[in-house]
Structure formats: structure tokens, C-alpha cells
Amino acid sequence: MTQKQTNTKKKKKKNRRLAPVTKLLCIIMIGVSAWLLYSVGREVMTTIELRRQLAEVEEKLEKVQIENERLNKEKEKLKDPDYVQSYARGNYILSKDGEQIFYLPESNSGN
């Protein structure tokens, strides 16, 4: 046998011994890659869900802020005694001394 043939046979033997180790490493790397892809997918789904919840909460916050502004304006109005008197007379049908209140029937549009 020539030296080239001997070297070729040694390389083939070495390649055969590395093949199972290489296959095992490939399987491990594929498993790790699959796990990482799964983790990334889960994180993406979590991010999407959190953004949806954030949009809902921001919408609720905007509604609450509008309601808060309305209530603050009402609070300021209630500090004015003339407004309180007018409000009470209009909503609770209170009268001044000597004043008479007449109830008028609501008109029906069908008559």
C-alpha cells in the first residue's frame, strides 16, 4: 500500500468515529434551536397580548380622565351658592318663600 492510501484509510476511520458525535451534536443543536424558537414565539405572543391590554387600559384611562374633568368642573360650580340654589330648584323642585310651583303635563307628540 502506498502512503496516500494509508492516509485516506485513516481519514475515513477518523470520519466514521466523528460521525456519531457529529450527529449527536447536530441533534442537540436542533433541540436547542427549537427551544429558543419556541421561547421567542412565546415572548412575541406575550408582547402582543400586553400591547392589546395596554391599548384597552389607555382607552379606559382616557374615559376616566374625561369623567374626572367633568366632575371637577361640577365641583367648581357647586362652590357657587347661586348655582347650588338654581340646581336644587331645577332638579328637586324646591321653591322660594311664597313661590308656587305648577306641574305641567308632558305633551305627547301623538295628540
PDB file of N, CA and C in Angstrom:
ATOM      1  N   MET A   1       0.820  -1.173   0.000  1.00  0.00           N
ATOM      2  CA  MET A   1       0.000   0.000   0.000  1.00  0.00           C
ATOM      3  C   MET A   1       0.871   1.246   0.000  1.00  0.00           C
ATOM      4  N   THR A   2       0.339   2.220  -0.644  1.00  0.00           N
ATOM      5  CA  THR A   2       1.090   3.452  -0.696  1.00  0.00           C
ATOM      6  C   THR A   2       0.705   4.317   0.500  1.00  0.00           C
ATOM      7  N   GLN A   3       1.483   5.312   0.678  1.00  0.00           N
ATOM      8  CA  GLN A   3       1.235   6.187   1.821  1.00  0.00           C
ATOM      9  C   GLN A   3      -0.070   6.962   1.633  1.00  0.00           C
ATOM     10  N   LYS A   4      -0.403   7.317   0.430  1.00  0.00           N
ATOM     11  CA  LYS A   4      -1.652   8.038   0.159  1.00  0.00           C
ATOM     12  C   LYS A   4      -2.848   7.184   0.536  1.00  0.00           C
ATOM     13  N   GLN A   5      -2.779   5.911   0.196  1.00  0.00           N
ATOM     14  CA  GLN A   5      -3.885   5.003   0.505  1.00  0.00           C
ATOM     15  C   GLN A   5      -4.009   4.823   2.015  1.00  0.00           C
ATOM     16  N   THR A   6      -2.921   4.744   2.695  1.00  0.00           N
ATOM     17  CA  THR A   6      -2.922   4.586   4.150  1.00  0.00           C
ATOM     18  C   THR A   6      -3.514   5.831   4.804  1.00  0.00           C
ATOM     19  N   ASN A   7      -3.120   7.002   4.339  1.00  0.00           N
ATOM     20  CA  ASN A   7      -3.649   8.256   4.879  1.00  0.00           C
ATOM     21  C   ASN A   7      -5.149   8.364   4.614  1.00  0.00           C
ATOM     22  N   THR A   8      -5.585   7.957   3.448  1.00  0.00           N
ATOM     23  CA  THR A   8      -7.002   8.009   3.091  1.00  0.00           C
ATOM     24  C   THR A   8      -7.811   7.084   3.999  1.00  0.00           C
ATOM     25  N   LYS A   9      -7.291   5.886   4.265  1.00  0.00           N
ATOM     26  CA  LYS A   9      -7.983   4.941   5.139  1.00  0.00           C
ATOM     27  C   LYS A   9      -8.067   5.485   6.556  1.00  0.00           C
ATOM     28  N   LYS A  10      -7.023   6.135   7.040  1.00  0.00           N
ATOM     29  CA  LYS A  10      -7.024   6.709   8.384  1.00  0.00           C
ATOM     30  C   LYS A  10      -8.061   7.836   8.482  1.00  0.00           C
ATOM     31  N   LYS A  11      -8.150   8.648   7.446  1.00  0.00           N
ATOM     32  CA  LYS A  11      -9.127   9.741   7.434  1.00  0.00           C
ATOM     33  C   LYS A  11     -10.547   9.189   7.449  1.00  0.00           C
ATOM     34  N   LYS A  12     -10.781   8.126   6.685  1.00  0.00           N
ATOM     35  CA  LYS A  12     -12.113   7.522   6.649  1.00  0.00           C
ATOM     36  C   LYS A  12     -12.476   6.958   8.009  1.00  0.00           C
ATOM     37  N   LYS A  13     -11.499   6.295   8.690  1.00  0.00           N
ATOM     38  CA  LYS A  13     -11.744   5.757  10.019  1.00  0.00           C
ATOM     39  C   LYS A  13     -12.057   6.896  10.986  1.00  0.00           C
ATOM     40  N   LYS A  14     -11.281   7.961  10.904  1.00  0.00           N
ATOM     41  CA  LYS A  14     -11.477   9.119  11.775  1.00  0.00           C
ATOM     42  C   LYS A  14     -12.848   9.739  11.513  1.00  0.00           C
ATOM     43  N   ASN A  15     -13.249   9.851  10.247  1.00  0.00           N
ATOM     44  CA  ASN A  15     -14.559  10.394   9.882  1.00  0.00           C
ATOM     45  C   ASN A  15     -15.674   9.506  10.397  1.00  0.00           C
ATOM     46  N   ARG A  16     -15.474   8.191  10.362  1.00  0.00           N
ATOM     47  CA  ARG A  16     -16.505   7.288  10.876  1.00  0.00           C
ATOM     48  C   ARG A  16     -16.661   7.444  12.371  1.00  0.00           C
ATOM     49  N   ARG A  17     -15.564   7.668  13.092  1.00  0.00           N
ATOM     50  CA  ARG A  17     -15.644   7.856  14.532  1.00  0.00           C
ATOM     51  C   ARG A  17     -16.288   9.197  14.868  1.00  0.00           C
ATOM     52  N   LEU A  18     -16.079  10.202  14.089  1.00  0.00           N
ATOM     53  CA  LEU A  18     -16.665  11.515  14.334  1.00  0.00           C
ATOM     54  C   LEU A  18     -18.131  11.577  13.921  1.00  0.00           C
ATOM     55  N   ALA A  19     -18.556  10.767  13.056  1.00  0.00           N
ATOM     56  CA  ALA A  19     -19.921  10.823  12.557  1.00  0.00           C
ATOM     57  C   ALA A  19     -20.953  10.684  13.676  1.00  0.00           C
ATOM     58  N   PRO A  20     -20.868   9.715  14.595  1.00  0.00           N
ATOM     59  CA  PRO A  20     -21.865   9.641  15.669  1.00  0.00           C
ATOM     60  C   PRO A  20     -21.821  10.860  16.586  1.00  0.00           C
ATOM     61  N   VAL A  21     -20.639  11.366  16.884  1.00  0.00           N
ATOM     62  CA  VAL A  21     -20.511  12.548  17.730  1.00  0.00           C
ATOM     63  C   VAL A  21     -21.103  13.761  17.007  1.00  0.00           C
ATOM     64  N   THR A  22     -20.827  13.876  15.720  1.00  0.00           N
ATOM     65  CA  THR A  22     -21.368  14.975  14.931  1.00  0.00           C
ATOM     66  C   THR A  22     -22.890  14.899  14.870  1.00  0.00           C
ATOM     67  N   LYS A  23     -23.407  13.690  14.681  1.00  0.00           N
ATOM     68  CA  LYS A  23     -24.869  13.522  14.652  1.00  0.00           C
ATOM     69  C   LYS A  23     -25.474  13.913  15.988  1.00  0.00           C
ATOM     70  N   LEU A  24     -24.852  13.503  17.090  1.00  0.00           N
ATOM     71  CA  LEU A  24     -25.354  13.846  18.414  1.00  0.00           C
ATOM     72  C   LEU A  24     -25.329  15.349  18.626  1.00  0.00           C
ATOM     73  N   LEU A  25     -24.239  15.997  18.222  1.00  0.00           N
ATOM     74  CA  LEU A  25     -24.150  17.458  18.344  1.00  0.00           C
ATOM     75  C   LEU A  25     -25.203  18.150  17.487  1.00  0.00           C
ATOM     76  N   CYS A  26     -25.446  17.634  16.312  1.00  0.00           N
ATOM     77  CA  CYS A  26     -26.475  18.213  15.432  1.00  0.00           C
ATOM     78  C   CYS A  26     -27.851  18.087  16.079  1.00  0.00           C
ATOM     79  N   ILE A  27     -28.130  16.935  16.651  1.00  0.00           N
ATOM     80  CA  ILE A  27     -29.435  16.726  17.310  1.00  0.00           C
ATOM     81  C   ILE A  27     -29.580  17.667  18.498  1.00  0.00           C
ATOM     82  N   ILE A  28     -28.513  17.806  19.275  1.00  0.00           N
ATOM     83  CA  ILE A  28     -28.559  18.723  20.417  1.00  0.00           C
ATOM     84  C   ILE A  28     -28.765  20.154  19.944  1.00  0.00           C
ATOM     85  N   MET A  29     -28.064  20.556  18.897  1.00  0.00           N
ATOM     86  CA  MET A  29     -28.194  21.916  18.377  1.00  0.00           C
ATOM     87  C   MET A  29     -29.595  22.164  17.821  1.00  0.00           C
ATOM     88  N   ILE A  30     -30.160  21.169  17.165  1.00  0.00           N
ATOM     89  CA  ILE A  30     -31.526  21.309  16.651  1.00  0.00           C
ATOM     90  C   ILE A  30     -32.501  21.448  17.819  1.00  0.00           C
ATOM     91  N   GLY A  31     -32.296  20.663  18.861  1.00  0.00           N
ATOM     92  CA  GLY A  31     -33.161  20.760  20.048  1.00  0.00           C
ATOM     93  C   GLY A  31     -33.068  22.122  20.705  1.00  0.00           C
ATOM     94  N   VAL A  32     -31.850  22.617  20.874  1.00  0.00           N
ATOM     95  CA  VAL A  32     -31.648  23.940  21.473  1.00  0.00           C
ATOM     96  C   VAL A  32     -32.271  25.016  20.599  1.00  0.00           C
ATOM     97  N   SER A  33     -32.080  24.901  19.292  1.00  0.00           N
ATOM     98  CA  SER A  33     -32.670  25.886  18.364  1.00  0.00           C
ATOM     99  C   SER A  33     -34.191  25.864  18.441  1.00  0.00           C
ATOM    100  N   ALA A  34     -34.775  24.676  18.500  1.00  0.00           N
ATOM    101  CA  ALA A  34     -36.236  24.561  18.602  1.00  0.00           C
ATOM    102  C   ALA A  34     -36.721  25.192  19.898  1.00  0.00           C
ATOM    103  N   TRP A  35     -36.018  24.941  20.990  1.00  0.00           N
ATOM    104  CA  TRP A  35     -36.415  25.512  22.274  1.00  0.00           C
ATOM    105  C   TRP A  35     -36.316  27.043  22.230  1.00  0.00           C
ATOM    106  N   LEU A  36     -35.236  27.565  21.637  1.00  0.00           N
ATOM    107  CA  LEU A  36     -35.086  29.019  21.525  1.00  0.00           C
ATOM    108  C   LEU A  36     -36.175  29.629  20.652  1.00  0.00           C
ATOM    109  N   LEU A  37     -36.500  28.988  19.542  1.00  0.00           N
ATOM    110  CA  LEU A  37     -37.579  29.485  18.682  1.00  0.00           C
ATOM    111  C   LEU A  37     -38.911  29.472  19.418  1.00  0.00           C
ATOM    112  N   TYR A  38     -39.166  28.427  20.182  1.00  0.00           N
ATOM    113  CA  TYR A  38     -40.397  28.346  20.981  1.00  0.00           C
ATOM    114  C   TYR A  38     -40.437  29.491  21.998  1.00  0.00           C
ATOM    115  N   SER A  39     -39.310  29.735  22.660  1.00  0.00           N
ATOM    116  CA  SER A  39     -39.249  30.815  23.655  1.00  0.00           C
ATOM    117  C   SER A  39     -39.501  32.173  23.013  1.00  0.00           C
ATOM    118  N   VAL A  40     -38.901  32.392  21.858  1.00  0.00           N
ATOM    119  CA  VAL A  40     -39.099  33.669  21.152  1.00  0.00           C
ATOM    120  C   VAL A  40     -40.565  33.812  20.742  1.00  0.00           C
ATOM    121  N   GLY A  41     -41.144  32.752  20.227  1.00  0.00           N
ATOM    122  CA  GLY A  41     -42.557  32.794  19.839  1.00  0.00           C
ATOM    123  C   GLY A  41     -43.451  33.103  21.022  1.00  0.00           C
ATOM    124  N   ARG A  42     -43.157  32.493  22.153  1.00  0.00           N
ATOM    125  CA  ARG A  42     -43.946  32.748  23.358  1.00  0.00           C
ATOM    126  C   ARG A  42     -43.811  34.201  23.795  1.00  0.00           C
ATOM    127  N   GLU A  43     -42.601  34.747  23.735  1.00  0.00           N
ATOM    128  CA  GLU A  43     -42.375  36.143  24.099  1.00  0.00           C
ATOM    129  C   GLU A  43     -43.100  37.095  23.148  1.00  0.00           C
ATOM    130  N   VAL A  44     -43.109  36.764  21.867  1.00  0.00           N
ATOM    131  CA  VAL A  44     -43.822  37.595  20.890  1.00  0.00           C
ATOM    132  C   VAL A  44     -45.313  37.594  21.193  1.00  0.00           C
ATOM    133  N   MET A  45     -45.855  36.425  21.486  1.00  0.00           N
ATOM    134  CA  MET A  45     -47.284  36.338  21.808  1.00  0.00           C
ATOM    135  C   MET A  45     -47.598  37.111  23.089  1.00  0.00           C
ATOM    136  N   THR A  46     -46.723  37.027  24.078  1.00  0.00           N
ATOM    137  CA  THR A  46     -46.914  37.776  25.316  1.00  0.00           C
ATOM    138  C   THR A  46     -46.876  39.276  25.046  1.00  0.00           C
ATOM    139  N   THR A  47     -45.953  39.705  24.204  1.00  0.00           N
ATOM    140  CA  THR A  47     -45.844  41.121  23.863  1.00  0.00           C
ATOM    141  C   THR A  47     -47.102  41.613  23.156  1.00  0.00           C
ATOM    142  N   ILE A  48     -47.609  40.820  22.228  1.00  0.00           N
ATOM    143  CA  ILE A  48     -48.839  41.196  21.516  1.00  0.00           C
ATOM    144  C   ILE A  48     -49.998  41.324  22.491  1.00  0.00           C
ATOM    145  N   GLU A  49     -50.132  40.380  23.403  1.00  0.00           N
ATOM    146  CA  GLU A  49     -51.217  40.420  24.389  1.00  0.00           C
ATOM    147  C   GLU A  49     -51.068  41.632  25.307  1.00  0.00           C
ATOM    148  N   LEU A  50     -49.860  41.922  25.740  1.00  0.00           N
ATOM    149  CA  LEU A  50     -49.644  43.076  26.614  1.00  0.00           C
ATOM    150  C   LEU A  50     -49.939  44.384  25.899  1.00  0.00           C
ATOM    151  N   ARG A  51     -49.601  44.471  24.619  1.00  0.00           N
ATOM    152  CA  ARG A  51     -49.921  45.692  23.865  1.00  0.00           C
ATOM    153  C   ARG A  51     -51.423  45.866  23.709  1.00  0.00           C
ATOM    154  N   ARG A  52     -52.144  44.757  23.514  1.00  0.00           N
ATOM    155  CA  ARG A  52     -53.599  44.835  23.415  1.00  0.00           C
ATOM    156  C   ARG A  52     -54.189  45.313  24.743  1.00  0.00           C
ATOM    157  N   GLN A  53     -53.688  44.752  25.846  1.00  0.00           N
ATOM    158  CA  GLN A  53     -54.167  45.168  27.159  1.00  0.00           C
ATOM    159  C   GLN A  53     -53.814  46.623  27.430  1.00  0.00           C
ATOM    160  N   LEU A  54     -52.645  47.051  27.008  1.00  0.00           N
ATOM    161  CA  LEU A  54     -52.238  48.442  27.196  1.00  0.00           C
ATOM    162  C   LEU A  54     -53.174  49.385  26.443  1.00  0.00           C
ATOM    163  N   ALA A  55     -53.549  49.019  25.231  1.00  0.00           N
ATOM    164  CA  ALA A  55     -54.473  49.851  24.448  1.00  0.00           C
ATOM    165  C   ALA A  55     -55.820  49.951  25.162  1.00  0.00           C
ATOM    166  N   GLU A  56     -56.308  48.834  25.708  1.00  0.00           N
ATOM    167  CA  GLU A  56     -57.577  48.853  26.429  1.00  0.00           C
ATOM    168  C   GLU A  56     -57.485  49.742  27.665  1.00  0.00           C
ATOM    169  N   VAL A  57     -56.400  49.617  28.403  1.00  0.00           N
ATOM    170  CA  VAL A  57     -56.231  50.402  29.624  1.00  0.00           C
ATOM    171  C   VAL A  57     -56.089  51.883  29.297  1.00  0.00           C
ATOM    172  N   GLU A  58     -55.379  52.205  28.223  1.00  0.00           N
ATOM    173  CA  GLU A  58     -55.243  53.611  27.832  1.00  0.00           C
ATOM    174  C   GLU A  58     -56.596  54.192  27.435  1.00  0.00           C
ATOM    175  N   GLU A  59     -57.434  53.392  26.780  1.00  0.00           N
ATOM    176  CA  GLU A  59     -58.775  53.846  26.414  1.00  0.00           C
ATOM    177  C   GLU A  59     -59.604  54.105  27.671  1.00  0.00           C
ATOM    178  N   LYS A  60     -59.525  53.188  28.635  1.00  0.00           N
ATOM    179  CA  LYS A  60     -60.245  53.376  29.899  1.00  0.00           C
ATOM    180  C   LYS A  60     -59.720  54.601  30.635  1.00  0.00           C
ATOM    181  N   LEU A  61     -58.400  54.786  30.616  1.00  0.00           N
ATOM    182  CA  LEU A  61     -57.801  55.944  31.277  1.00  0.00           C
ATOM    183  C   LEU A  61     -58.318  57.242  30.675  1.00  0.00           C
ATOM    184  N   GLU A  62     -58.413  57.276  29.352  1.00  0.00           N
ATOM    185  CA  GLU A  62     -58.919  58.480  28.692  1.00  0.00           C
ATOM    186  C   GLU A  62     -60.354  58.775  29.119  1.00  0.00           C
ATOM    187  N   LYS A  63     -61.187  57.726  29.197  1.00  0.00           N
ATOM    188  CA  LYS A  63     -62.574  57.914  29.632  1.00  0.00           C
ATOM    189  C   LYS A  63     -62.634  58.414  31.071  1.00  0.00           C
ATOM    190  N   VAL A  64     -61.788  57.852  31.934  1.00  0.00           N
ATOM    191  CA  VAL A  64     -61.765  58.262  33.334  1.00  0.00           C
ATOM    192  C   VAL A  64     -61.276  59.701  33.462  1.00  0.00           C
ATOM    193  N   GLN A  65     -60.293  60.090  32.656  1.00  0.00           N
ATOM    194  CA  GLN A  65     -59.803  61.465  32.708  1.00  0.00           C
ATOM    195  C   GLN A  65     -60.887  62.448  32.264  1.00  0.00           C
ATOM    196  N   ILE A  66     -61.642  62.087  31.244  1.00  0.00           N
ATOM    197  CA  ILE A  66     -62.743  62.947  30.791  1.00  0.00           C
ATOM    198  C   ILE A  66     -63.791  63.077  31.889  1.00  0.00           C
ATOM    199  N   GLU A  67     -64.115  61.946  32.515  1.00  0.00           N
ATOM    200  CA  GLU A  67     -65.093  61.967  33.613  1.00  0.00           C
ATOM    201  C   GLU A  67     -64.558  62.794  34.783  1.00  0.00           C
ATOM    202  N   ASN A  68     -63.278  62.683  35.059  1.00  0.00           N
ATOM    203  CA  ASN A  68     -62.662  63.446  36.145  1.00  0.00           C
ATOM    204  C   ASN A  68     -62.752  64.942  35.863  1.00  0.00           C
ATOM    205  N   GLU A  69     -62.473  65.345  34.625  1.00  0.00           N
ATOM    206  CA  GLU A  69     -62.579  66.758  34.254  1.00  0.00           C
ATOM    207  C   GLU A  69     -64.013  67.253  34.442  1.00  0.00           C
ATOM    208  N   ARG A  70     -64.972  66.444  34.007  1.00  0.00           N
ATOM    209  CA  ARG A  70     -66.383  66.834  34.157  1.00  0.00           C
ATOM    210  C   ARG A  70     -66.744  67.007  35.627  1.00  0.00           C
ATOM    211  N   LEU A  71     -66.299  66.060  36.450  1.00  0.00           N
ATOM    212  CA  LEU A  71     -66.621  66.134  37.879  1.00  0.00           C
ATOM    213  C   LEU A  71     -65.917  67.310  38.557  1.00  0.00           C
ATOM    214  N   ASN A  72     -64.697  67.622  38.138  1.00  0.00           N
ATOM    215  CA  ASN A  72     -64.003  68.783  38.706  1.00  0.00           C
ATOM    216  C   ASN A  72     -64.715  70.079  38.347  1.00  0.00           C
ATOM    217  N   LYS A  73     -65.202  70.161  37.109  1.00  0.00           N
ATOM    218  CA  LYS A  73     -65.968  71.352  36.712  1.00  0.00           C
ATOM    219  C   LYS A  73     -67.240  71.452  37.535  1.00  0.00           C
ATOM    220  N   GLU A  74     -67.909  70.323  37.745  1.00  0.00           N
ATOM    221  CA  GLU A  74     -69.131  70.302  38.559  1.00  0.00           C
ATOM    222  C   GLU A  74     -68.810  70.709  39.990  1.00  0.00           C
ATOM    223  N   LYS A  75     -67.683  70.258  40.500  1.00  0.00           N
ATOM    224  CA  LYS A  75     -67.257  70.604  41.862  1.00  0.00           C
ATOM    225  C   LYS A  75     -67.051  72.107  41.988  1.00  0.00           C
ATOM    226  N   GLU A  76     -66.401  72.695  40.974  1.00  0.00           N
ATOM    227  CA  GLU A  76     -66.195  74.143  40.995  1.00  0.00           C
ATOM    228  C   GLU A  76     -67.527  74.889  40.945  1.00  0.00           C
ATOM    229  N   LYS A  77     -68.448  74.398  40.148  1.00  0.00           N
ATOM    230  CA  LYS A  77     -69.768  75.043  40.056  1.00  0.00           C
ATOM    231  C   LYS A  77     -70.495  74.957  41.392  1.00  0.00           C
ATOM    232  N   LEU A  78     -70.337  73.834  42.097  1.00  0.00           N
ATOM    233  CA  LEU A  78     -71.046  73.655  43.363  1.00  0.00           C
ATOM    234  C   LEU A  78     -70.506  74.557  44.468  1.00  0.00           C
ATOM    235  N   LYS A  79     -69.383  75.187  44.263  1.00  0.00           N
ATOM    236  CA  LYS A  79     -68.863  76.147  45.229  1.00  0.00           C
ATOM    237  C   LYS A  79     -69.616  77.475  45.137  1.00  0.00           C
ATOM    238  N   ASP A  80     -70.294  77.711  44.027  1.00  0.00           N
ATOM    239  CA  ASP A  80     -71.062  78.939  43.817  1.00  0.00           C
ATOM    240  C   ASP A  80     -72.463  78.754  44.411  1.00  0.00           C
ATOM    241  N   PRO A  81     -72.841  79.552  45.437  1.00  0.00           N
ATOM    242  CA  PRO A  81     -74.160  79.389  46.073  1.00  0.00           C
ATOM    243  C   PRO A  81     -75.324  79.622  45.103  1.00  0.00           C
ATOM    244  N   ASP A  82     -75.168  80.545  44.163  1.00  0.00           N
ATOM    245  CA  ASP A  82     -76.254  80.790  43.204  1.00  0.00           C
ATOM    246  C   ASP A  82     -76.485  79.559  42.334  1.00  0.00           C
ATOM    247  N   TYR A  83     -75.414  78.890  41.925  1.00  0.00           N
ATOM    248  CA  TYR A  83     -75.548  77.682  41.111  1.00  0.00           C
ATOM    249  C   TYR A  83     -76.216  76.573  41.917  1.00  0.00           C
ATOM    250  N   VAL A  84     -75.823  76.422  43.167  1.00  0.00           N
ATOM    251  CA  VAL A  84     -76.413  75.370  44.013  1.00  0.00           C
ATOM    252  C   VAL A  84     -77.906  75.620  44.173  1.00  0.00           C
ATOM    253  N   GLN A  85     -78.284  76.861  44.405  1.00  0.00           N
ATOM    254  CA  GLN A  85     -79.698  77.196  44.556  1.00  0.00           C
ATOM    255  C   GLN A  85     -80.446  76.908  43.249  1.00  0.00           C
ATOM    256  N   SER A  86     -79.903  77.331  42.145  1.00  0.00           N
ATOM    257  CA  SER A  86     -80.539  77.095  40.849  1.00  0.00           C
ATOM    258  C   SER A  86     -80.637  75.593  40.567  1.00  0.00           C
ATOM    259  N   TYR A  87     -79.590  74.854  40.885  1.00  0.00           N
ATOM    260  CA  TYR A  87     -79.575  73.397  40.662  1.00  0.00           C
ATOM    261  C   TYR A  87     -80.647  72.714  41.512  1.00  0.00           C
ATOM    262  N   ALA A  88     -80.725  73.096  42.764  1.00  0.00           N
ATOM    263  CA  ALA A  88     -81.712  72.485  43.660  1.00  0.00           C
ATOM    264  C   ALA A  88     -83.131  72.811  43.212  1.00  0.00           C
ATOM    265  N   ARG A  89     -83.355  74.031  42.807  1.00  0.00           N
ATOM    266  CA  ARG A  89     -84.699  74.416  42.357  1.00  0.00           C
ATOM    267  C   ARG A  89     -85.079  73.672  41.085  1.00  0.00           C
ATOM    268  N   GLY A  90     -84.131  73.486  40.175  1.00  0.00           N
ATOM    269  CA  GLY A  90     -84.427  72.837  38.902  1.00  0.00           C
ATOM    270  C   GLY A  90     -84.567  71.332  39.015  1.00  0.00           C
ATOM    271  N   ASN A  91     -83.726  70.688  39.804  1.00  0.00           N
ATOM    272  CA  ASN A  91     -83.736  69.230  39.859  1.00  0.00           C
ATOM    273  C   ASN A  91     -84.607  68.651  40.972  1.00  0.00           C
ATOM    274  N   TYR A  92     -84.769  69.393  42.055  1.00  0.00           N
ATOM    275  CA  TYR A  92     -85.529  68.853  43.188  1.00  0.00           C
ATOM    276  C   TYR A  92     -86.826  69.618  43.446  1.00  0.00           C
ATOM    277  N   ILE A  93     -87.171  70.490  42.549  1.00  0.00           N
ATOM    278  CA  ILE A  93     -88.404  71.257  42.567  1.00  0.00           C
ATOM    279  C   ILE A  93     -88.609  71.920  43.931  1.00  0.00           C
ATOM    280  N   LEU A  94     -87.625  72.669  44.338  1.00  0.00           N
ATOM    281  CA  LEU A  94     -87.712  73.446  45.564  1.00  0.00           C
ATOM    282  C   LEU A  94     -88.159  74.854  45.193  1.00  0.00           C
ATOM    283  N   SER A  95     -88.884  75.467  46.081  1.00  0.00           N
ATOM    284  CA  SER A  95     -89.392  76.811  45.777  1.00  0.00           C
ATOM    285  C   SER A  95     -88.898  77.806  46.810  1.00  0.00           C
ATOM    286  N   LYS A  96     -88.947  79.066  46.425  1.00  0.00           N
ATOM    287  CA  LYS A  96     -88.632  80.147  47.349  1.00  0.00           C
ATOM    288  C   LYS A  96     -89.869  80.393  48.201  1.00  0.00           C
ATOM    289  N   ASP A  97     -89.696  81.176  49.282  1.00  0.00           N
ATOM    290  CA  ASP A  97     -90.845  81.516  50.116  1.00  0.00           C
ATOM    291  C   ASP A  97     -91.881  82.284  49.291  1.00  0.00           C
ATOM    292  N   GLY A  98     -93.116  81.820  49.356  1.00  0.00           N
ATOM    293  CA  GLY A  98     -94.203  82.493  48.665  1.00  0.00           C
ATOM    294  C   GLY A  98     -94.288  82.155  47.182  1.00  0.00           C
ATOM    295  N   GLU A  99     -93.450  81.304  46.693  1.00  0.00           N
ATOM    296  CA  GLU A  99     -93.449  80.942  45.281  1.00  0.00           C
ATOM    297  C   GLU A  99     -94.272  79.664  45.104  1.00  0.00           C
ATOM    298  N   GLN A 100     -95.070  79.624  44.053  1.00  0.00           N
ATOM    299  CA  GLN A 100     -95.866  78.439  43.768  1.00  0.00           C
ATOM    300  C   GLN A 100     -95.275  77.717  42.561  1.00  0.00           C
ATOM    301  N   ILE A 101     -95.364  76.388  42.617  1.00  0.00           N
ATOM    302  CA  ILE A 101     -94.841  75.577  41.521  1.00  0.00           C
ATOM    303  C   ILE A 101     -96.008  74.863  40.870  1.00  0.00           C
ATOM    304  N   PHE A 102     -96.080  74.931  39.579  1.00  0.00           N
ATOM    305  CA  PHE A 102     -97.127  74.256  38.825  1.00  0.00           C
ATOM    306  C   PHE A 102     -96.489  73.144  37.984  1.00  0.00           C
ATOM    307  N   TYR A 103     -97.104  71.983  38.034  1.00  0.00           N
ATOM    308  CA  TYR A 103     -96.643  70.878  37.211  1.00  0.00           C
ATOM    309  C   TYR A 103     -97.435  70.836  35.940  1.00  0.00           C
ATOM    310  N   LEU A 104     -96.764  70.893  34.829  1.00  0.00           N
ATOM    311  CA  LEU A 104     -97.422  70.833  33.529  1.00  0.00           C
ATOM    312  C   LEU A 104     -97.246  69.428  32.972  1.00  0.00           C
ATOM    313  N   PRO A 105     -98.335  68.876  32.468  1.00  0.00           N
ATOM    314  CA  PRO A 105     -98.190  67.520  31.907  1.00  0.00           C
ATOM    315  C   PRO A 105     -97.314  67.562  30.664  1.00  0.00           C
ATOM    316  N   GLU A 106     -96.563  66.481  30.476  1.00  0.00           N
ATOM    317  CA  GLU A 106     -95.725  66.404  29.305  1.00  0.00           C
ATOM    318  C   GLU A 106     -96.598  66.177  28.073  1.00  0.00           C
ATOM    319  N   SER A 107     -96.305  66.892  27.027  1.00  0.00           N
ATOM    320  CA  SER A 107     -97.126  66.760  25.835  1.00  0.00           C
ATOM    321  C   SER A 107     -96.694  65.506  25.070  1.00  0.00           C
ATOM    322  N   ASN A 108     -97.681  64.775  24.587  1.00  0.00           N
ATOM    323  CA  ASN A 108     -97.412  63.609  23.770  1.00  0.00           C
ATOM    324  C   ASN A 108     -97.412  64.039  22.319  1.00  0.00           C
ATOM    325  N   SER A 109     -96.469  63.589  21.564  1.00  0.00           N
ATOM    326  CA  SER A 109     -96.359  64.002  20.167  1.00  0.00           C
ATOM    327  C   SER A 109     -97.453  63.342  19.312  1.00  0.00           C
ATOM    328  N   GLY A 110     -98.124  62.336  19.841  1.00  0.00           N
ATOM    329  CA  GLY A 110     -99.172  61.650  19.096  1.00  0.00           C
ATOM    330  C   GLY A 110    -100.515  62.365  19.144  1.00  0.00           C
ATOM    331  N   ASN A 111    -100.717  63.388  20.000  1.00  0.00           N
ATOM    332  CA  ASN A 111    -102.003  64.083  20.122  1.00  0.00           C
ATOM    333  C   ASN A 111    -102.140  65.202  19.169  1.00  0.00           C
TER     334      ASN A 111
END
